[in-house]
Amino acid sequence: MDSPSGYSLVWEGYREHFGTPTSIERFRPIKSFRFVCMHGDFVARQEHRGSHPYWYGFKRVGRRIYKQYLGRHHRLTLHCLEEAAACFSARCYPMPGQAMML
């Protein structure tokens, strides 16, 4: 990983490295980005259900796409993104002898 802080967001050809939970606030207007941390990476996309925007994470492994609910805007924190990356890693790349979670 090439981020000195350990995290990066990639969107529309731009890459930004960050490390503090408050620094993610300025990314709120973005509708889609790729999150990269030591646990792995995934794409986060904003979708609308009714009048409220919600965030979902997506991870492609081969021909399969995994989807995970991330929450509303106020829940989209650095901690939430890290947890999602770890969860995707566990679901997409289970340890040998471990059953794959669906």
PDB file of N, CA and C in Angstrom:
ATOM      1  N   MET A   1       0.845  -1.174   0.000  1.00  0.00           N
ATOM      2  CA  MET A   1       0.000   0.000   0.000  1.00  0.00           C
ATOM      3  C   MET A   1       0.885   1.229   0.000  1.00  0.00           C
ATOM      4  N   ASP A   2       0.536   2.218  -0.825  1.00  0.00           N
ATOM      5  CA  ASP A   2       1.393   3.381  -0.969  1.00  0.00           C
ATOM      6  C   ASP A   2       0.952   4.579  -0.149  1.00  0.00           C
ATOM      7  N   SER A   3       0.001   4.424   0.735  1.00  0.00           N
ATOM      8  CA  SER A   3      -0.471   5.525   1.555  1.00  0.00           C
ATOM      9  C   SER A   3       0.303   5.586   2.865  1.00  0.00           C
ATOM     10  N   PRO A   4       0.937   6.747   3.178  1.00  0.00           N
ATOM     11  CA  PRO A   4       1.669   6.840   4.433  1.00  0.00           C
ATOM     12  C   PRO A   4       0.762   6.728   5.649  1.00  0.00           C
ATOM     13  N   SER A   5      -0.502   7.148   5.530  1.00  0.00           N
ATOM     14  CA  SER A   5      -1.425   7.081   6.654  1.00  0.00           C
ATOM     15  C   SER A   5      -2.144   5.748   6.718  1.00  0.00           C
ATOM     16  N   GLY A   6      -2.075   4.974   5.636  1.00  0.00           N
ATOM     17  CA  GLY A   6      -2.710   3.674   5.628  1.00  0.00           C
ATOM     18  C   GLY A   6      -4.058   3.630   4.947  1.00  0.00           C
ATOM     19  N   TYR A   7      -4.604   4.762   4.519  1.00  0.00           N
ATOM     20  CA  TYR A   7      -5.917   4.806   3.894  1.00  0.00           C
ATOM     21  C   TYR A   7      -5.853   5.644   2.634  1.00  0.00           C
ATOM     22  N   SER A   8      -6.664   5.290   1.665  1.00  0.00           N
ATOM     23  CA  SER A   8      -6.804   6.161   0.502  1.00  0.00           C
ATOM     24  C   SER A   8      -8.199   5.993  -0.077  1.00  0.00           C
ATOM     25  N   LEU A   9      -8.683   7.080  -0.653  1.00  0.00           N
ATOM     26  CA  LEU A   9      -9.934   7.082  -1.398  1.00  0.00           C
ATOM     27  C   LEU A   9      -9.581   7.417  -2.835  1.00  0.00           C
ATOM     28  N   VAL A  10     -10.179   6.705  -3.764  1.00  0.00           N
ATOM     29  CA  VAL A  10      -9.924   6.926  -5.178  1.00  0.00           C
ATOM     30  C   VAL A  10     -11.266   7.197  -5.841  1.00  0.00           C
ATOM     31  N   TRP A  11     -11.361   8.292  -6.601  1.00  0.00           N
ATOM     32  CA  TRP A  11     -12.594   8.612  -7.304  1.00  0.00           C
ATOM     33  C   TRP A  11     -12.250   9.441  -8.527  1.00  0.00           C
ATOM     34  N   GLU A  12     -12.937   9.202  -9.618  1.00  0.00           N
ATOM     35  CA  GLU A  12     -12.800   9.951 -10.860  1.00  0.00           C
ATOM     36  C   GLU A  12     -11.342  10.237 -11.212  1.00  0.00           C
ATOM     37  N   GLY A  13     -10.473   9.268 -11.053  1.00  0.00           N
ATOM     38  CA  GLY A  13      -9.081   9.444 -11.412  1.00  0.00           C
ATOM     39  C   GLY A  13      -8.219  10.123 -10.366  1.00  0.00           C
ATOM     40  N   TYR A  14      -8.795  10.542  -9.248  1.00  0.00           N
ATOM     41  CA  TYR A  14      -8.047  11.188  -8.182  1.00  0.00           C
ATOM     42  C   TYR A  14      -7.778  10.191  -7.066  1.00  0.00           C
ATOM     43  N   ARG A  15      -6.709  10.396  -6.345  1.00  0.00           N
ATOM     44  CA  ARG A  15      -6.387   9.564  -5.182  1.00  0.00           C
ATOM     45  C   ARG A  15      -6.015  10.499  -4.046  1.00  0.00           C
ATOM     46  N   GLU A  16      -6.608  10.270  -2.896  1.00  0.00           N
ATOM     47  CA  GLU A  16      -6.299  11.080  -1.725  1.00  0.00           C
ATOM     48  C   GLU A  16      -5.995  10.161  -0.553  1.00  0.00           C
ATOM     49  N   HIS A  17      -4.910  10.450   0.138  1.00  0.00           N
ATOM     50  CA  HIS A  17      -4.519   9.692   1.321  1.00  0.00           C
ATOM     51  C   HIS A  17      -4.980  10.457   2.558  1.00  0.00           C
ATOM     52  N   PHE A  18      -5.443   9.744   3.543  1.00  0.00           N
ATOM     53  CA  PHE A  18      -5.884  10.398   4.769  1.00  0.00           C
ATOM     54  C   PHE A  18      -5.750   9.446   5.937  1.00  0.00           C
ATOM     55  N   GLY A  19      -5.909   9.989   7.135  1.00  0.00           N
ATOM     56  CA  GLY A  19      -5.753   9.140   8.304  1.00  0.00           C
ATOM     57  C   GLY A  19      -6.604   9.529   9.492  1.00  0.00           C
ATOM     58  N   THR A  20      -7.317  10.642   9.406  1.00  0.00           N
ATOM     59  CA  THR A  20      -8.136  11.038  10.543  1.00  0.00           C
ATOM     60  C   THR A  20      -9.604  10.880  10.218  1.00  0.00           C
ATOM     61  N   PRO A  21     -10.413  10.483  11.185  1.00  0.00           N
ATOM     62  CA  PRO A  21     -11.841  10.293  10.933  1.00  0.00           C
ATOM     63  C   PRO A  21     -12.545  11.543  10.423  1.00  0.00           C
ATOM     64  N   THR A  22     -12.121  12.731  10.872  1.00  0.00           N
ATOM     65  CA  THR A  22     -12.791  13.952  10.424  1.00  0.00           C
ATOM     66  C   THR A  22     -12.455  14.294   8.986  1.00  0.00           C
ATOM     67  N   SER A  23     -11.336  13.805   8.482  1.00  0.00           N
ATOM     68  CA  SER A  23     -10.949  14.160   7.119  1.00  0.00           C
ATOM     69  C   SER A  23     -11.868  13.539   6.070  1.00  0.00           C
ATOM     70  N   ILE A  24     -12.629  12.535   6.448  1.00  0.00           N
ATOM     71  CA  ILE A  24     -13.533  11.897   5.491  1.00  0.00           C
ATOM     72  C   ILE A  24     -14.757  12.773   5.202  1.00  0.00           C
ATOM     73  N   GLU A  25     -15.025  13.758   6.041  1.00  0.00           N
ATOM     74  CA  GLU A  25     -16.190  14.635   5.867  1.00  0.00           C
ATOM     75  C   GLU A  25     -16.199  15.318   4.506  1.00  0.00           C
ATOM     76  N   ARG A  26     -15.055  15.731   4.018  1.00  0.00           N
ATOM     77  CA  ARG A  26     -15.034  16.462   2.755  1.00  0.00           C
ATOM     78  C   ARG A  26     -15.357  15.582   1.549  1.00  0.00           C
ATOM     79  N   PHE A  27     -15.404  14.263   1.730  1.00  0.00           N
ATOM     80  CA  PHE A  27     -15.733  13.365   0.633  1.00  0.00           C
ATOM     81  C   PHE A  27     -17.230  13.095   0.530  1.00  0.00           C
ATOM     82  N   ARG A  28     -18.025  13.649   1.403  1.00  0.00           N
ATOM     83  CA  ARG A  28     -19.463  13.370   1.416  1.00  0.00           C
ATOM     84  C   ARG A  28     -20.172  13.672   0.090  1.00  0.00           C
ATOM     85  N   PRO A  29     -19.812  14.739  -0.650  1.00  0.00           N
ATOM     86  CA  PRO A  29     -20.522  14.996  -1.918  1.00  0.00           C
ATOM     87  C   PRO A  29     -20.252  13.951  -3.004  1.00  0.00           C
ATOM     88  N   ILE A  30     -19.218  13.162  -2.852  1.00  0.00           N
ATOM     89  CA  ILE A  30     -18.873  12.156  -3.855  1.00  0.00           C
ATOM     90  C   ILE A  30     -19.882  11.014  -3.785  1.00  0.00           C
ATOM     91  N   LYS A  31     -20.336  10.538  -4.930  1.00  0.00           N
ATOM     92  CA  LYS A  31     -21.363   9.495  -4.984  1.00  0.00           C
ATOM     93  C   LYS A  31     -20.788   8.087  -5.074  1.00  0.00           C
ATOM     94  N   SER A  32     -19.492   7.963  -5.400  1.00  0.00           N
ATOM     95  CA  SER A  32     -18.862   6.656  -5.520  1.00  0.00           C
ATOM     96  C   SER A  32     -17.359   6.818  -5.344  1.00  0.00           C
ATOM     97  N   PHE A  33     -16.734   5.893  -4.622  1.00  0.00           N
ATOM     98  CA  PHE A  33     -15.289   5.933  -4.455  1.00  0.00           C
ATOM     99  C   PHE A  33     -14.767   4.547  -4.127  1.00  0.00           C
ATOM    100  N   ARG A  34     -13.484   4.358  -4.281  1.00  0.00           N
ATOM    101  CA  ARG A  34     -12.821   3.110  -3.915  1.00  0.00           C
ATOM    102  C   ARG A  34     -12.067   3.361  -2.625  1.00  0.00           C
ATOM    103  N   PHE A  35     -12.285   2.527  -1.623  1.00  0.00           N
ATOM    104  CA  PHE A  35     -11.618   2.648  -0.336  1.00  0.00           C
ATOM    105  C   PHE A  35     -10.520   1.601  -0.255  1.00  0.00           C
ATOM    106  N   VAL A  36      -9.333   2.009   0.178  1.00  0.00           N
ATOM    107  CA  VAL A  36      -8.190   1.113   0.293  1.00  0.00           C
ATOM    108  C   VAL A  36      -7.604   1.248   1.686  1.00  0.00           C
ATOM    109  N   CYS A  37      -7.424   0.108   2.383  1.00  0.00           N
ATOM    110  CA  CYS A  37      -6.774   0.101   3.688  1.00  0.00           C
ATOM    111  C   CYS A  37      -6.015  -1.211   3.832  1.00  0.00           C
ATOM    112  N   MET A  38      -5.435  -1.449   4.996  1.00  0.00           N
ATOM    113  CA  MET A  38      -4.627  -2.661   5.175  1.00  0.00           C
ATOM    114  C   MET A  38      -5.466  -3.937   5.116  1.00  0.00           C
ATOM    115  N   HIS A  39      -6.787  -3.833   5.310  1.00  0.00           N
ATOM    116  CA  HIS A  39      -7.665  -5.007   5.263  1.00  0.00           C
ATOM    117  C   HIS A  39      -8.073  -5.378   3.848  1.00  0.00           C
ATOM    118  N   GLY A  40      -7.896  -4.455   2.913  1.00  0.00           N
ATOM    119  CA  GLY A  40      -8.282  -4.707   1.535  1.00  0.00           C
ATOM    120  C   GLY A  40      -8.883  -3.471   0.904  1.00  0.00           C
ATOM    121  N   ASP A  41      -9.670  -3.673  -0.125  1.00  0.00           N
ATOM    122  CA  ASP A  41     -10.290  -2.550  -0.818  1.00  0.00           C
ATOM    123  C   ASP A  41     -11.674  -2.961  -1.318  1.00  0.00           C
ATOM    124  N   PHE A  42     -12.486  -1.960  -1.594  1.00  0.00           N
ATOM    125  CA  PHE A  42     -13.817  -2.175  -2.164  1.00  0.00           C
ATOM    126  C   PHE A  42     -14.307  -0.847  -2.719  1.00  0.00           C
ATOM    127  N   VAL A  43     -15.384  -0.905  -3.485  1.00  0.00           N
ATOM    128  CA  VAL A  43     -16.001   0.296  -4.035  1.00  0.00           C
ATOM    129  C   VAL A  43     -17.237   0.611  -3.209  1.00  0.00           C
ATOM    130  N   ALA A  44     -17.372   1.864  -2.803  1.00  0.00           N
ATOM    131  CA  ALA A  44     -18.557   2.325  -2.079  1.00  0.00           C
ATOM    132  C   ALA A  44     -19.385   3.189  -3.036  1.00  0.00           C
ATOM    133  N   ARG A  45     -20.692   2.941  -3.047  1.00  0.00           N
ATOM    134  CA  ARG A  45     -21.595   3.701  -3.911  1.00  0.00           C
ATOM    135  C   ARG A  45     -22.799   4.171  -3.117  1.00  0.00           C
ATOM    136  N   GLN A  46     -23.232   5.361  -3.458  1.00  0.00           N
ATOM    137  CA  GLN A  46     -24.423   5.910  -2.817  1.00  0.00           C
ATOM    138  C   GLN A  46     -25.636   5.539  -3.664  1.00  0.00           C
ATOM    139  N   GLU A  47     -26.662   5.017  -3.002  1.00  0.00           N
ATOM    140  CA  GLU A  47     -27.924   4.684  -3.665  1.00  0.00           C
ATOM    141  C   GLU A  47     -29.039   5.369  -2.895  1.00  0.00           C
ATOM    142  N   HIS A  48     -30.119   5.667  -3.585  1.00  0.00           N
ATOM    143  CA  HIS A  48     -31.263   6.316  -2.934  1.00  0.00           C
ATOM    144  C   HIS A  48     -32.387   5.313  -2.740  1.00  0.00           C
ATOM    145  N   ARG A  49     -32.907   5.268  -1.542  1.00  0.00           N
ATOM    146  CA  ARG A  49     -34.089   4.483  -1.199  1.00  0.00           C
ATOM    147  C   ARG A  49     -35.085   5.487  -0.642  1.00  0.00           C
ATOM    148  N   GLY A  50     -36.100   5.780  -1.415  1.00  0.00           N
ATOM    149  CA  GLY A  50     -37.017   6.831  -1.010  1.00  0.00           C
ATOM    150  C   GLY A  50     -36.321   8.175  -1.143  1.00  0.00           C
ATOM    151  N   SER A  51     -36.386   8.980  -0.107  1.00  0.00           N
ATOM    152  CA  SER A  51     -35.753  10.302  -0.165  1.00  0.00           C
ATOM    153  C   SER A  51     -34.397  10.336   0.532  1.00  0.00           C
ATOM    154  N   HIS A  52     -33.927   9.195   1.031  1.00  0.00           N
ATOM    155  CA  HIS A  52     -32.672   9.166   1.785  1.00  0.00           C
ATOM    156  C   HIS A  52     -31.571   8.441   1.021  1.00  0.00           C
ATOM    157  N   PRO A  53     -30.357   9.015   1.021  1.00  0.00           N
ATOM    158  CA  PRO A  53     -29.229   8.308   0.413  1.00  0.00           C
ATOM    159  C   PRO A  53     -28.636   7.287   1.385  1.00  0.00           C
ATOM    160  N   TYR A  54     -28.293   6.150   0.867  1.00  0.00           N
ATOM    161  CA  TYR A  54     -27.641   5.094   1.645  1.00  0.00           C
ATOM    162  C   TYR A  54     -26.366   4.689   0.923  1.00  0.00           C
ATOM    163  N   TRP A  55     -25.408   4.156   1.667  1.00  0.00           N
ATOM    164  CA  TRP A  55     -24.145   3.701   1.089  1.00  0.00           C
ATOM    165  C   TRP A  55     -24.062   2.185   1.129  1.00  0.00           C
ATOM    166  N   TYR A  56     -23.577   1.622   0.028  1.00  0.00           N
ATOM    167  CA  TYR A  56     -23.345   0.184  -0.087  1.00  0.00           C
ATOM    168  C   TYR A  56     -21.910  -0.031  -0.558  1.00  0.00           C
ATOM    169  N   GLY A  57     -21.314  -1.116  -0.112  1.00  0.00           N
ATOM    170  CA  GLY A  57     -19.985  -1.489  -0.564  1.00  0.00           C
ATOM    171  C   GLY A  57     -20.087  -2.655  -1.529  1.00  0.00           C
ATOM    172  N   PHE A  58     -19.218  -2.676  -2.522  1.00  0.00           N
ATOM    173  CA  PHE A  58     -19.190  -3.723  -3.530  1.00  0.00           C
ATOM    174  C   PHE A  58     -17.769  -4.235  -3.704  1.00  0.00           C
ATOM    175  N   LYS A  59     -17.630  -5.536  -3.823  1.00  0.00           N
ATOM    176  CA  LYS A  59     -16.327  -6.161  -4.043  1.00  0.00           C
ATOM    177  C   LYS A  59     -16.500  -7.252  -5.087  1.00  0.00           C
ATOM    178  N   ARG A  60     -15.734  -7.171  -6.169  1.00  0.00           N
ATOM    179  CA  ARG A  60     -15.793  -8.180  -7.224  1.00  0.00           C
ATOM    180  C   ARG A  60     -14.640  -9.160  -7.032  1.00  0.00           C
ATOM    181  N   VAL A  61     -14.983 -10.440  -7.033  1.00  0.00           N
ATOM    182  CA  VAL A  61     -13.988 -11.509  -6.990  1.00  0.00           C
ATOM    183  C   VAL A  61     -14.346 -12.468  -8.115  1.00  0.00           C
ATOM    184  N   GLY A  62     -13.518 -12.486  -9.139  1.00  0.00           N
ATOM    185  CA  GLY A  62     -13.844 -13.293 -10.316  1.00  0.00           C
ATOM    186  C   GLY A  62     -15.107 -12.769 -10.963  1.00  0.00           C
ATOM    187  N   ARG A  63     -16.089 -13.648 -11.135  1.00  0.00           N
ATOM    188  CA  ARG A  63     -17.354 -13.241 -11.737  1.00  0.00           C
ATOM    189  C   ARG A  63     -18.409 -12.900 -10.687  1.00  0.00           C
ATOM    190  N   ARG A  64     -18.080 -13.018  -9.449  1.00  0.00           N
ATOM    191  CA  ARG A  64     -19.044 -12.781  -8.368  1.00  0.00           C
ATOM    192  C   ARG A  64     -18.876 -11.383  -7.793  1.00  0.00           C
ATOM    193  N   ILE A  65     -19.996 -10.727  -7.503  1.00  0.00           N
ATOM    194  CA  ILE A  65     -19.977  -9.408  -6.869  1.00  0.00           C
ATOM    195  C   ILE A  65     -20.633  -9.537  -5.502  1.00  0.00           C
ATOM    196  N   TYR A  66     -19.911  -9.130  -4.470  1.00  0.00           N
ATOM    197  CA  TYR A  66     -20.426  -9.122  -3.100  1.00  0.00           C
ATOM    198  C   TYR A  66     -20.910  -7.716  -2.787  1.00  0.00           C
ATOM    199  N   LYS A  67     -22.021  -7.617  -2.062  1.00  0.00           N
ATOM    200  CA  LYS A  67     -22.604  -6.326  -1.709  1.00  0.00           C
ATOM    201  C   LYS A  67     -22.813  -6.289  -0.208  1.00  0.00           C
ATOM    202  N   GLN A  68     -22.513  -5.136   0.387  1.00  0.00           N
ATOM    203  CA  GLN A  68     -22.673  -4.976   1.830  1.00  0.00           C
ATOM    204  C   GLN A  68     -23.225  -3.590   2.133  1.00  0.00           C
ATOM    205  N   TYR A  69     -24.214  -3.536   2.999  1.00  0.00           N
ATOM    206  CA  TYR A  69     -24.795  -2.269   3.431  1.00  0.00           C
ATOM    207  C   TYR A  69     -23.811  -1.552   4.344  1.00  0.00           C
ATOM    208  N   LEU A  70     -23.554  -0.267   4.058  1.00  0.00           N
ATOM    209  CA  LEU A  70     -22.639   0.528   4.885  1.00  0.00           C
ATOM    210  C   LEU A  70     -23.380   1.495   5.798  1.00  0.00           C
ATOM    211  N   GLY A  71     -24.550   1.956   5.382  1.00  0.00           N
ATOM    212  CA  GLY A  71     -25.330   2.852   6.233  1.00  0.00           C
ATOM    213  C   GLY A  71     -25.639   4.178   5.566  1.00  0.00           C
ATOM    214  N   ARG A  72     -26.222   5.073   6.358  1.00  0.00           N
ATOM    215  CA  ARG A  72     -26.546   6.412   5.889  1.00  0.00           C
ATOM    216  C   ARG A  72     -25.308   7.290   5.971  1.00  0.00           C
ATOM    217  N   HIS A  73     -25.423   8.515   5.481  1.00  0.00           N
ATOM    218  CA  HIS A  73     -24.287   9.445   5.457  1.00  0.00           C
ATOM    219  C   HIS A  73     -23.601   9.588   6.807  1.00  0.00           C
ATOM    220  N   HIS A  74     -24.374   9.767   7.855  1.00  0.00           N
ATOM    221  CA  HIS A  74     -23.783  10.024   9.176  1.00  0.00           C
ATOM    222  C   HIS A  74     -23.025   8.806   9.718  1.00  0.00           C
ATOM    223  N   ARG A  75     -23.287   7.611   9.184  1.00  0.00           N
ATOM    224  CA  ARG A  75     -22.590   6.405   9.646  1.00  0.00           C
ATOM    225  C   ARG A  75     -21.330   6.125   8.827  1.00  0.00           C
ATOM    226  N   LEU A  76     -21.169   6.803   7.718  1.00  0.00           N
ATOM    227  CA  LEU A  76     -20.033   6.552   6.836  1.00  0.00           C
ATOM    228  C   LEU A  76     -18.773   7.191   7.433  1.00  0.00           C
ATOM    229  N   THR A  77     -18.128   6.440   8.302  1.00  0.00           N
ATOM    230  CA  THR A  77     -16.918   6.904   8.980  1.00  0.00           C
ATOM    231  C   THR A  77     -15.739   6.030   8.576  1.00  0.00           C
ATOM    232  N   LEU A  78     -14.571   6.448   8.950  1.00  0.00           N
ATOM    233  CA  LEU A  78     -13.377   5.661   8.678  1.00  0.00           C
ATOM    234  C   LEU A  78     -13.481   4.279   9.322  1.00  0.00           C
ATOM    235  N   HIS A  79     -13.988   4.226  10.536  1.00  0.00           N
ATOM    236  CA  HIS A  79     -14.157   2.946  11.235  1.00  0.00           C
ATOM    237  C   HIS A  79     -15.124   2.027  10.475  1.00  0.00           C
ATOM    238  N   CYS A  80     -16.228   2.581   9.999  1.00  0.00           N
ATOM    239  CA  CYS A  80     -17.212   1.809   9.224  1.00  0.00           C
ATOM    240  C   CYS A  80     -16.579   1.253   7.956  1.00  0.00           C
ATOM    241  N   LEU A  81     -15.787   2.071   7.263  1.00  0.00           N
ATOM    242  CA  LEU A  81     -15.149   1.630   6.026  1.00  0.00           C
ATOM    243  C   LEU A  81     -14.117   0.539   6.299  1.00  0.00           C
ATOM    244  N   GLU A  82     -13.374   0.676   7.383  1.00  0.00           N
ATOM    245  CA  GLU A  82     -12.400  -0.361   7.758  1.00  0.00           C
ATOM    246  C   GLU A  82     -13.094  -1.687   8.075  1.00  0.00           C
ATOM    247  N   GLU A  83     -14.180  -1.620   8.833  1.00  0.00           N
ATOM    248  CA  GLU A  83     -14.934  -2.828   9.162  1.00  0.00           C
ATOM    249  C   GLU A  83     -15.461  -3.513   7.898  1.00  0.00           C
ATOM    250  N   ALA A  84     -15.953  -2.723   6.961  1.00  0.00           N
ATOM    251  CA  ALA A  84     -16.475  -3.287   5.717  1.00  0.00           C
ATOM    252  C   ALA A  84     -15.356  -3.961   4.923  1.00  0.00           C
ATOM    253  N   ALA A  85     -14.179  -3.338   4.861  1.00  0.00           N
ATOM    254  CA  ALA A  85     -13.051  -3.938   4.139  1.00  0.00           C
ATOM    255  C   ALA A  85     -12.650  -5.267   4.777  1.00  0.00           C
ATOM    256  N   ALA A  86     -12.629  -5.320   6.112  1.00  0.00           N
ATOM    257  CA  ALA A  86     -12.298  -6.564   6.814  1.00  0.00           C
ATOM    258  C   ALA A  86     -13.357  -7.626   6.567  1.00  0.00           C
ATOM    259  N   CYS A  87     -14.621  -7.230   6.551  1.00  0.00           N
ATOM    260  CA  CYS A  87     -15.716  -8.166   6.303  1.00  0.00           C
ATOM    261  C   CYS A  87     -15.647  -8.705   4.879  1.00  0.00           C
ATOM    262  N   PHE A  88     -15.399  -7.835   3.910  1.00  0.00           N
ATOM    263  CA  PHE A  88     -15.245  -8.289   2.528  1.00  0.00           C
ATOM    264  C   PHE A  88     -14.084  -9.267   2.415  1.00  0.00           C
ATOM    265  N   SER A  89     -12.995  -8.968   3.091  1.00  0.00           N
ATOM    266  CA  SER A  89     -11.826  -9.845   3.046  1.00  0.00           C
ATOM    267  C   SER A  89     -12.166 -11.235   3.587  1.00  0.00           C
ATOM    268  N   ALA A  90     -12.898 -11.275   4.700  1.00  0.00           N
ATOM    269  CA  ALA A  90     -13.279 -12.556   5.306  1.00  0.00           C
ATOM    270  C   ALA A  90     -14.266 -13.321   4.418  1.00  0.00           C
ATOM    271  N   ARG A  91     -15.199 -12.601   3.788  1.00  0.00           N
ATOM    272  CA  ARG A  91     -16.204 -13.243   2.934  1.00  0.00           C
ATOM    273  C   ARG A  91     -15.618 -13.704   1.607  1.00  0.00           C
ATOM    274  N   CYS A  92     -14.761 -12.905   1.027  1.00  0.00           N
ATOM    275  CA  CYS A  92     -14.255 -13.175  -0.322  1.00  0.00           C
ATOM    276  C   CYS A  92     -13.040 -14.087  -0.330  1.00  0.00           C
ATOM    277  N   TYR A  93     -12.267 -14.055   0.739  1.00  0.00           N
ATOM    278  CA  TYR A  93     -11.040 -14.844   0.805  1.00  0.00           C
ATOM    279  C   TYR A  93     -10.974 -15.583   2.140  1.00  0.00           C
ATOM    280  N   PRO A  94     -11.845 -16.582   2.348  1.00  0.00           N
ATOM    281  CA  PRO A  94     -11.848 -17.283   3.641  1.00  0.00           C
ATOM    282  C   PRO A  94     -10.546 -18.046   3.864  1.00  0.00           C
ATOM    283  N   MET A  95     -10.206 -18.217   5.125  1.00  0.00           N
ATOM    284  CA  MET A  95      -9.007 -18.973   5.489  1.00  0.00           C
ATOM    285  C   MET A  95      -9.208 -20.437   5.101  1.00  0.00           C
ATOM    286  N   PRO A  96      -8.137 -21.154   4.796  1.00  0.00           N
ATOM    287  CA  PRO A  96      -8.272 -22.587   4.477  1.00  0.00           C
ATOM    288  C   PRO A  96      -8.966 -23.336   5.614  1.00  0.00           C
ATOM    289  N   GLY A  97      -9.903 -24.201   5.266  1.00  0.00           N
ATOM    290  CA  GLY A  97     -10.635 -24.958   6.270  1.00  0.00           C
ATOM    291  C   GLY A  97     -11.821 -24.215   6.858  1.00  0.00           C
ATOM    292  N   GLN A  98     -12.023 -22.959   6.443  1.00  0.00           N
ATOM    293  CA  GLN A  98     -13.126 -22.153   6.957  1.00  0.00           C
ATOM    294  C   GLN A  98     -14.244 -22.143   5.923  1.00  0.00           C
ATOM    295  N   ALA A  99     -15.483 -22.289   6.365  1.00  0.00           N
ATOM    296  CA  ALA A  99     -16.612 -22.271   5.441  1.00  0.00           C
ATOM    297  C   ALA A  99     -16.789 -20.862   4.899  1.00  0.00           C
ATOM    298  N   MET A 100     -17.154 -20.742   3.628  1.00  0.00           N
ATOM    299  CA  MET A 100     -17.358 -19.444   3.020  1.00  0.00           C
ATOM    300  C   MET A 100     -18.717 -18.901   3.430  1.00  0.00           C
ATOM    301  N   MET A 101     -18.745 -17.646   3.926  1.00  0.00           N
ATOM    302  CA  MET A 101     -19.995 -17.013   4.337  1.00  0.00           C
ATOM    303  C   MET A 101     -20.695 -16.421   3.114  1.00  0.00           C
ATOM    304  N   LEU A 102     -21.998 -16.563   3.054  1.00  0.00           N
ATOM    305  CA  LEU A 102     -22.759 -15.985   1.942  1.00  0.00           C
ATOM    306  C   LEU A 102     -23.609 -14.847   2.414  1.00  0.00           C
TER     307      LEU A 102
END
